[in-house]
Structure formats: C-alpha cells, structure tokens
Amino acid sequence: MAARVEPGFEQDKSLRHRDASKVLSPDLARVLVVGNSQINRIVVSKIVERSGLRPASETPLTALRVLPLMFPGLVIMDGGPENADCDAVISGILALRSVSGNGTPMTILLSNRTTGGADKSARAGIDVVVAKPFTTEQLQPVVDRLLDQARRNIVAQPGTAKP
C-alpha cells in the first residue's frame, strides 16, 4: 500500500520551518530544574513554586527527553562540582531556542565557581550564573526577571500574540 502524501507537503519546506515557531511556543509557567543532586532540585523547585510557577525536576539524562516535550520558559541547571553536569542539556536548549526564534527557554546555571566555567557556559547559551550557596532572596528575583524578559521577547516577535 502506498504511503499517503498530503498535498503541498514537499513543495514548500521553508514554510513548514518558518511556521514551526508558531506551533512550538514555550510554556512560561513551566520551569525545568535539572541536576544530579535530588536535594538541590527540591530546594530550587520550592523556590520556583513561590513565584507561582510549575517546576519539573529531572536528572540531566531524563531532562534531554523531557525538554522538547514540555518546552519550558525557563531551565535552571545545577552545574555540579565542575559546572559540567548539565552540558548535554545545553544542546537541547539551543535547539529549542533556534526553533522558537525568541531566545526561549531562558537558562540559569547554579555554579560552585564564578570564574572559568561560568565564562565558558555564558558562551554556550547560559543567560545567568548564580553562585552557590544561594538563597531564596537571590534566586527568586533572577527567575522572575528572566521570565519577564522571555515574555517581552515573545511579544516583540513578529506574528505572535501576547501570551
């Protein structure tokens, strides 16, 4: 039996890619918290909940599978002792950013070091680096600021409606 081909499916591939950003839009109420330490993920999730957001807590391995399915507005990554625990997740974030065309999901790296690894991460798509140990008073305003920036980016993008 022959496969069914939709009319115009192969005719205009650029149209399909251009329209993908309209179909795939971030959920700005969702935050993906990624890290190997379950305790740190729980602490960060509780801080995120105080902002009225819905966190999902994942290890770096499972975050790779969950990230494109949930398309969060913000990803908070615990870099671990060498700031390298979530390196694989960054490629998924960059892929979603290229599809969305508006810089989302925004990213925060929780870092033990504020030099060296943080500079390297900034070039790899990290928006903000927050030094550990952190407090609610330090992290919550950063979360709110980045999500406000994401909302402005989406509204400023041509052809999109206000979320």
Protein backbone atom coordinates (compact mmCIF):
# COMPACT_ATOMS: atom_id res chain seq x y z
CA MET A 1 0.00 0.00 0.00
CA ALA A 2 1.37 3.41 -0.93
CA ALA A 3 2.01 6.00 1.74
CA ARG A 4 -0.42 8.88 1.88
CA VAL A 5 1.16 12.19 0.98
CA GLU A 6 -0.50 15.41 1.96
CA PRO A 7 -0.81 17.97 -0.84
CA GLY A 8 1.97 20.53 -0.75
CA PHE A 9 3.94 18.60 1.89
CA GLU A 10 7.17 18.57 -0.10
CA GLN A 11 6.54 21.76 -2.05
CA ASP A 12 7.48 24.41 0.49
CA LYS A 13 9.78 23.13 3.23
CA SER A 14 10.79 26.67 4.23
CA LEU A 15 7.15 27.44 5.04
CA ARG A 16 6.98 24.45 7.38
CA HIS A 17 10.14 25.50 9.23
CA ARG A 18 9.07 29.13 9.44
CA ASP A 19 5.66 28.17 10.85
CA ALA A 20 7.18 25.76 13.37
CA SER A 21 7.90 28.63 15.78
CA LYS A 22 4.17 29.48 15.83
CA VAL A 23 3.23 25.91 16.74
CA LEU A 24 6.07 25.33 19.21
CA SER A 25 5.89 28.02 21.82
CA PRO A 26 7.25 27.91 25.35
CA ASP A 27 5.06 27.42 28.38
CA LEU A 28 6.20 30.35 30.53
CA ALA A 29 4.51 28.89 33.60
CA ARG A 30 6.77 25.80 33.45
CA VAL A 31 10.32 25.61 34.78
CA LEU A 32 12.61 22.64 34.26
CA VAL A 33 15.02 22.11 37.18
CA VAL A 34 17.95 19.91 36.15
CA GLY A 35 20.73 18.43 38.27
CA ASN A 36 22.24 15.27 39.67
CA SER A 37 21.56 16.27 43.28
CA GLN A 38 17.98 15.48 44.24
CA ILE A 39 18.24 17.73 47.29
CA ASN A 40 19.29 20.75 45.21
CA ARG A 41 16.49 20.07 42.69
CA ILE A 42 13.92 20.00 45.52
CA VAL A 43 15.22 23.25 47.04
CA VAL A 44 15.18 25.02 43.67
CA SER A 45 11.71 23.65 42.87
CA LYS A 46 10.35 25.07 46.13
CA ILE A 47 11.83 28.48 45.32
CA VAL A 48 10.29 28.37 41.83
CA GLU A 49 6.88 27.46 43.27
CA ARG A 50 6.97 30.65 45.38
CA SER A 51 6.84 32.59 42.09
CA GLY A 52 3.62 30.78 41.17
CA LEU A 53 5.33 28.59 38.57
CA ARG A 54 5.11 24.85 37.95
CA PRO A 55 8.53 23.19 38.27
CA ALA A 56 9.52 19.80 36.90
CA SER A 57 12.59 18.20 38.45
CA GLU A 58 14.79 15.94 36.30
CA THR A 59 18.28 14.47 36.15
CA PRO A 60 20.38 15.60 33.18
CA LEU A 61 19.75 12.30 31.40
CA THR A 62 15.96 12.42 31.70
CA ALA A 63 15.89 16.19 31.05
CA LEU A 64 17.07 15.55 27.50
CA ARG A 65 13.88 13.58 26.84
CA VAL A 66 11.52 15.88 28.74
CA LEU A 67 12.83 19.23 27.48
CA PRO A 68 11.31 19.20 23.96
CA LEU A 69 8.05 17.71 25.24
CA MET A 70 7.36 20.34 27.88
CA PHE A 71 9.19 23.33 26.24
CA PRO A 72 9.53 25.33 29.48
CA GLY A 73 10.03 29.06 29.59
CA LEU A 74 12.99 28.62 31.94
CA VAL A 75 15.57 25.92 32.65
CA ILE A 76 17.56 26.01 35.90
CA MET A 77 20.62 23.75 35.84
CA ASP A 78 22.79 22.71 38.78
CA GLY A 79 26.26 22.56 37.26
CA GLY A 80 27.65 20.27 39.95
CA PRO A 81 31.21 20.47 41.26
CA GLU A 82 32.79 21.19 37.85
CA ASN A 83 29.87 23.02 36.17
CA ALA A 84 29.67 20.17 33.67
CA ASP A 85 26.78 18.05 34.97
CA CYS A 86 24.28 19.60 32.55
CA ASP A 87 26.46 20.13 29.47
CA ALA A 88 24.39 17.66 27.42
CA VAL A 89 21.19 19.58 28.21
CA ILE A 90 22.59 22.79 26.75
CA SER A 91 22.46 21.37 23.21
CA GLY A 92 18.74 20.66 23.66
CA ILE A 93 18.17 24.18 24.95
CA LEU A 94 20.00 25.69 21.98
CA ALA A 95 17.92 23.56 19.60
CA LEU A 96 14.67 24.81 21.17
CA ARG A 97 15.93 28.39 21.00
CA SER A 98 16.59 28.04 17.29
CA VAL A 99 13.07 26.70 16.73
CA SER A 100 11.35 29.32 18.88
CA GLY A 101 13.31 32.22 17.43
CA ASN A 102 12.81 34.27 20.60
CA GLY A 103 15.57 33.11 22.95
CA THR A 104 13.43 30.75 24.99
CA PRO A 105 13.87 28.76 27.07
CA MET A 106 15.89 31.12 29.25
CA THR A 107 18.60 29.47 31.36
CA ILE A 108 20.15 29.79 34.81
CA LEU A 109 23.28 27.89 35.84
CA LEU A 110 23.80 27.27 39.55
CA SER A 111 27.57 27.27 39.85
CA ASN A 112 30.17 26.47 42.50
CA ARG A 113 32.64 28.67 40.65
CA THR A 114 32.05 32.17 39.34
CA THR A 115 35.09 32.19 37.07
CA GLY A 116 36.35 29.90 34.33
CA GLY A 117 33.40 27.53 33.93
CA ALA A 118 30.87 30.33 34.21
CA ASP A 119 32.52 32.26 31.37
CA LYS A 120 32.56 29.12 29.21
CA SER A 121 28.89 28.47 29.98
CA ALA A 122 27.87 32.01 29.05
CA ARG A 123 29.06 31.37 25.52
CA ALA A 124 27.09 28.12 25.44
CA GLY A 125 23.64 29.66 25.98
CA ILE A 126 23.51 30.33 29.72
CA ASP A 127 21.69 33.59 30.44
CA VAL A 128 22.57 33.98 34.14
CA VAL A 129 25.01 32.30 36.51
CA VAL A 130 24.01 32.20 40.18
CA ALA A 131 26.76 31.30 42.65
CA LYS A 132 26.20 28.57 45.22
CA PRO A 133 25.28 28.61 48.01
CA PHE A 134 22.23 30.62 47.00
CA THR A 135 19.19 31.78 48.95
CA THR A 136 15.58 32.31 48.00
CA GLU A 137 16.22 36.05 48.08
CA GLN A 138 18.99 35.64 45.49
CA LEU A 139 17.38 33.15 43.11
CA GLN A 140 13.72 34.17 43.05
CA PRO A 141 14.30 37.69 41.60
CA VAL A 142 16.52 36.20 38.88
CA VAL A 143 13.78 33.72 37.94
CA ASP A 144 11.18 36.48 37.79
CA ARG A 145 13.44 38.78 35.75
CA LEU A 146 14.27 36.12 33.15
CA LEU A 147 10.63 35.12 32.71
CA ASP A 148 9.67 38.79 32.28
CA GLN A 149 12.37 39.05 29.64
CA ALA A 150 11.03 35.91 27.91
CA ARG A 151 7.53 37.43 27.86
CA ARG A 152 8.87 40.62 26.28
CA ASN A 153 10.81 38.61 23.68
CA ILE A 154 7.71 36.65 22.70
CA VAL A 155 5.55 39.78 22.43
CA ALA A 156 8.26 41.54 20.40
CA GLN A 157 8.49 38.64 17.94
CA PRO A 158 6.54 39.48 14.75
CA GLY A 159 3.46 37.39 14.13
CA THR A 160 2.92 36.25 17.70
CA ALA A 161 0.17 37.09 20.12
CA LYS A 162 0.68 38.17 23.70
CA PRO A 163 0.91 35.08 25.98
